[in-house]
Amino acid sequence: MEDFDLPYAELTLIMDTTIPFLNRPESFPELFALSVELNLFVYTPQEWEKAQDQSKYPGFWKSVFEDMIPIL
């Protein structure tokens, strides 16, 4: 049997929620049913705004905001 690598994606969603950060992806089981290896990150609007502020400095958030492709 041959091994096939699945397509890979990182998806970031912004939503109002009180669910703890590590449990938020569980709110979207349909996304994990797709035939793609998915890293799903769910942030609140306040967390996302803080990340945008941090993107002014070299590091992780700077690269996120430089490379992201907004969908909506």
N, C-alpha and C. Protein backbone atom coordinates (compact mmCIF):
# COMPACT_ATOMS: atom_id res chain seq x y z
N MET A 1 0.84 -1.18 0.00
CA MET A 1 0.00 0.00 0.00
C MET A 1 0.89 1.25 0.00
N GLU A 2 0.56 2.21 -0.84
CA GLU A 2 1.34 3.44 -0.93
C GLU A 2 0.87 4.44 0.12
N ASP A 3 1.82 5.22 0.62
CA ASP A 3 1.47 6.32 1.53
C ASP A 3 1.30 7.58 0.70
N PHE A 4 0.22 8.29 0.97
CA PHE A 4 -0.03 9.55 0.29
C PHE A 4 -0.07 10.66 1.32
N ASP A 5 0.61 11.76 1.03
CA ASP A 5 0.54 12.91 1.91
C ASP A 5 -0.73 13.69 1.61
N LEU A 6 -1.45 14.04 2.66
CA LEU A 6 -2.64 14.85 2.48
C LEU A 6 -2.23 16.30 2.24
N PRO A 7 -3.06 17.05 1.51
CA PRO A 7 -2.82 18.48 1.41
C PRO A 7 -2.85 19.07 2.82
N TYR A 8 -2.13 20.15 3.03
CA TYR A 8 -1.96 20.74 4.35
C TYR A 8 -2.48 22.17 4.35
N ALA A 9 -3.14 22.55 5.45
CA ALA A 9 -3.64 23.93 5.54
C ALA A 9 -3.62 24.39 6.99
N GLU A 10 -3.42 25.68 7.17
CA GLU A 10 -3.61 26.32 8.46
C GLU A 10 -4.75 27.30 8.28
N LEU A 11 -5.72 27.22 9.18
CA LEU A 11 -6.90 28.08 9.09
C LEU A 11 -7.07 28.78 10.43
N THR A 12 -7.25 30.09 10.37
CA THR A 12 -7.49 30.88 11.57
C THR A 12 -8.88 31.48 11.48
N LEU A 13 -9.67 31.25 12.52
CA LEU A 13 -11.02 31.80 12.60
C LEU A 13 -11.07 32.79 13.76
N ILE A 14 -11.86 33.85 13.57
CA ILE A 14 -12.06 34.85 14.61
C ILE A 14 -13.53 34.81 14.99
N MET A 15 -13.81 34.59 16.29
CA MET A 15 -15.21 34.53 16.72
C MET A 15 -15.32 34.90 18.20
N ASP A 16 -16.48 35.43 18.56
CA ASP A 16 -16.77 35.69 19.96
C ASP A 16 -17.05 34.35 20.63
N THR A 17 -16.34 34.07 21.71
CA THR A 17 -16.54 32.81 22.42
C THR A 17 -15.96 32.92 23.82
N THR A 18 -16.47 32.09 24.71
CA THR A 18 -15.90 31.96 26.05
C THR A 18 -15.26 30.59 26.22
N ILE A 19 -15.26 29.79 25.17
CA ILE A 19 -14.65 28.46 25.20
C ILE A 19 -13.14 28.62 25.35
N PRO A 20 -12.51 27.81 26.20
CA PRO A 20 -11.05 27.90 26.34
C PRO A 20 -10.34 27.68 24.99
N PHE A 21 -9.22 28.37 24.81
CA PHE A 21 -8.51 28.37 23.53
C PHE A 21 -8.28 26.97 22.97
N LEU A 22 -7.77 26.07 23.78
CA LEU A 22 -7.42 24.73 23.28
C LEU A 22 -8.64 23.89 22.90
N ASN A 23 -9.83 24.26 23.39
CA ASN A 23 -11.05 23.51 23.07
C ASN A 23 -11.83 24.09 21.90
N ARG A 24 -11.49 25.25 21.44
CA ARG A 24 -12.27 25.93 20.40
C ARG A 24 -12.36 25.16 19.08
N PRO A 25 -11.30 24.53 18.60
CA PRO A 25 -11.42 23.78 17.34
C PRO A 25 -12.48 22.68 17.38
N GLU A 26 -12.79 22.17 18.57
CA GLU A 26 -13.82 21.14 18.70
C GLU A 26 -15.19 21.64 18.27
N SER A 27 -15.37 22.94 18.17
CA SER A 27 -16.64 23.52 17.73
C SER A 27 -16.84 23.38 16.22
N PHE A 28 -15.83 22.90 15.50
CA PHE A 28 -15.89 22.81 14.04
C PHE A 28 -15.52 21.42 13.54
N PRO A 29 -16.23 20.38 13.99
CA PRO A 29 -15.86 19.01 13.59
C PRO A 29 -15.93 18.79 12.08
N GLU A 30 -16.79 19.52 11.40
CA GLU A 30 -16.93 19.33 9.95
C GLU A 30 -15.65 19.70 9.20
N LEU A 31 -14.87 20.62 9.75
CA LEU A 31 -13.62 20.99 9.09
C LEU A 31 -12.59 19.87 9.17
N PHE A 32 -12.65 19.08 10.22
CA PHE A 32 -11.70 17.98 10.37
C PHE A 32 -12.10 16.76 9.56
N ALA A 33 -13.32 16.78 9.00
CA ALA A 33 -13.77 15.70 8.13
C ALA A 33 -13.27 15.88 6.70
N LEU A 34 -12.73 17.05 6.39
CA LEU A 34 -12.19 17.31 5.05
C LEU A 34 -10.94 16.47 4.82
N SER A 35 -10.66 16.17 3.59
CA SER A 35 -9.47 15.36 3.28
C SER A 35 -8.25 16.26 3.11
N VAL A 36 -7.97 16.99 4.18
CA VAL A 36 -6.81 17.87 4.23
C VAL A 36 -6.30 17.85 5.67
N GLU A 37 -4.98 17.85 5.82
CA GLU A 37 -4.41 17.95 7.15
C GLU A 37 -4.56 19.40 7.59
N LEU A 38 -5.27 19.62 8.69
CA LEU A 38 -5.67 20.97 9.07
C LEU A 38 -5.17 21.33 10.47
N ASN A 39 -4.54 22.49 10.56
CA ASN A 39 -4.26 23.12 11.85
C ASN A 39 -5.25 24.26 11.96
N LEU A 40 -6.15 24.17 12.92
CA LEU A 40 -7.20 25.16 13.11
C LEU A 40 -6.94 25.96 14.37
N PHE A 41 -6.92 27.28 14.22
CA PHE A 41 -6.73 28.19 15.35
C PHE A 41 -7.94 29.10 15.43
N VAL A 42 -8.53 29.21 16.61
CA VAL A 42 -9.72 30.04 16.80
C VAL A 42 -9.41 31.08 17.86
N TYR A 43 -9.50 32.35 17.46
CA TYR A 43 -9.20 33.46 18.35
C TYR A 43 -10.44 34.31 18.56
N THR A 44 -10.51 34.98 19.70
CA THR A 44 -11.55 35.98 19.92
C THR A 44 -11.10 37.27 19.22
N PRO A 45 -12.03 38.18 18.96
CA PRO A 45 -11.62 39.46 18.35
C PRO A 45 -10.57 40.20 19.19
N GLN A 46 -10.68 40.12 20.50
CA GLN A 46 -9.72 40.79 21.37
C GLN A 46 -8.34 40.15 21.25
N GLU A 47 -8.29 38.82 21.20
CA GLU A 47 -7.00 38.12 21.05
C GLU A 47 -6.37 38.45 19.70
N TRP A 48 -7.20 38.53 18.67
CA TRP A 48 -6.70 38.82 17.32
C TRP A 48 -6.15 40.24 17.25
N GLU A 49 -6.84 41.18 17.89
CA GLU A 49 -6.35 42.57 17.92
C GLU A 49 -5.00 42.65 18.63
N LYS A 50 -4.86 41.92 19.73
CA LYS A 50 -3.58 41.90 20.45
C LYS A 50 -2.48 41.30 19.56
N ALA A 51 -2.81 40.26 18.81
CA ALA A 51 -1.85 39.65 17.89
C ALA A 51 -1.43 40.65 16.81
N GLN A 52 -2.39 41.43 16.31
CA GLN A 52 -2.06 42.44 15.30
C GLN A 52 -1.08 43.46 15.87
N ASP A 53 -1.27 43.85 17.11
CA ASP A 53 -0.34 44.79 17.75
C ASP A 53 1.06 44.19 17.83
N GLN A 54 1.14 42.90 18.13
CA GLN A 54 2.44 42.22 18.25
C GLN A 54 3.10 42.01 16.89
N SER A 55 2.33 42.10 15.81
CA SER A 55 2.89 41.85 14.48
C SER A 55 3.82 42.97 14.01
N LYS A 56 3.89 44.05 14.76
CA LYS A 56 4.80 45.14 14.42
C LYS A 56 6.26 44.76 14.66
N TYR A 57 6.46 43.71 15.46
CA TYR A 57 7.81 43.31 15.87
C TYR A 57 8.20 42.00 15.18
N PRO A 58 9.48 41.77 14.95
CA PRO A 58 9.91 40.51 14.32
C PRO A 58 9.45 39.31 15.15
N GLY A 59 9.11 38.24 14.45
CA GLY A 59 8.71 37.02 15.14
C GLY A 59 7.51 36.36 14.50
N PHE A 60 6.90 35.49 15.28
CA PHE A 60 5.80 34.67 14.78
C PHE A 60 4.65 35.49 14.20
N TRP A 61 4.11 36.44 14.98
CA TRP A 61 2.93 37.17 14.51
C TRP A 61 3.23 38.03 13.29
N LYS A 62 4.42 38.56 13.19
CA LYS A 62 4.78 39.34 12.00
C LYS A 62 4.67 38.46 10.76
N SER A 63 5.18 37.23 10.83
CA SER A 63 5.11 36.33 9.67
C SER A 63 3.68 35.90 9.38
N VAL A 64 2.87 35.74 10.42
CA VAL A 64 1.46 35.37 10.21
C VAL A 64 0.76 36.45 9.39
N PHE A 65 0.91 37.69 9.78
CA PHE A 65 0.21 38.78 9.10
C PHE A 65 0.80 39.09 7.73
N GLU A 66 2.06 38.77 7.51
CA GLU A 66 2.65 38.96 6.18
C GLU A 66 2.18 37.89 5.20
N ASP A 67 1.96 36.68 5.69
CA ASP A 67 1.66 35.54 4.82
C ASP A 67 0.18 35.20 4.71
N MET A 68 -0.67 35.78 5.56
CA MET A 68 -2.07 35.35 5.58
C MET A 68 -2.83 35.80 4.33
N ILE A 69 -3.86 35.02 4.02
CA ILE A 69 -4.76 35.32 2.91
C ILE A 69 -6.16 35.43 3.50
N PRO A 70 -6.69 36.65 3.70
CA PRO A 70 -8.03 36.79 4.26
C PRO A 70 -9.09 36.20 3.33
N ILE A 71 -10.06 35.52 3.91
CA ILE A 71 -11.15 34.94 3.12
C ILE A 71 -12.37 35.85 3.18
N LEU A 72 -12.72 36.30 4.36
CA LEU A 72 -13.84 37.22 4.52
C LEU A 72 -13.42 38.41 5.34
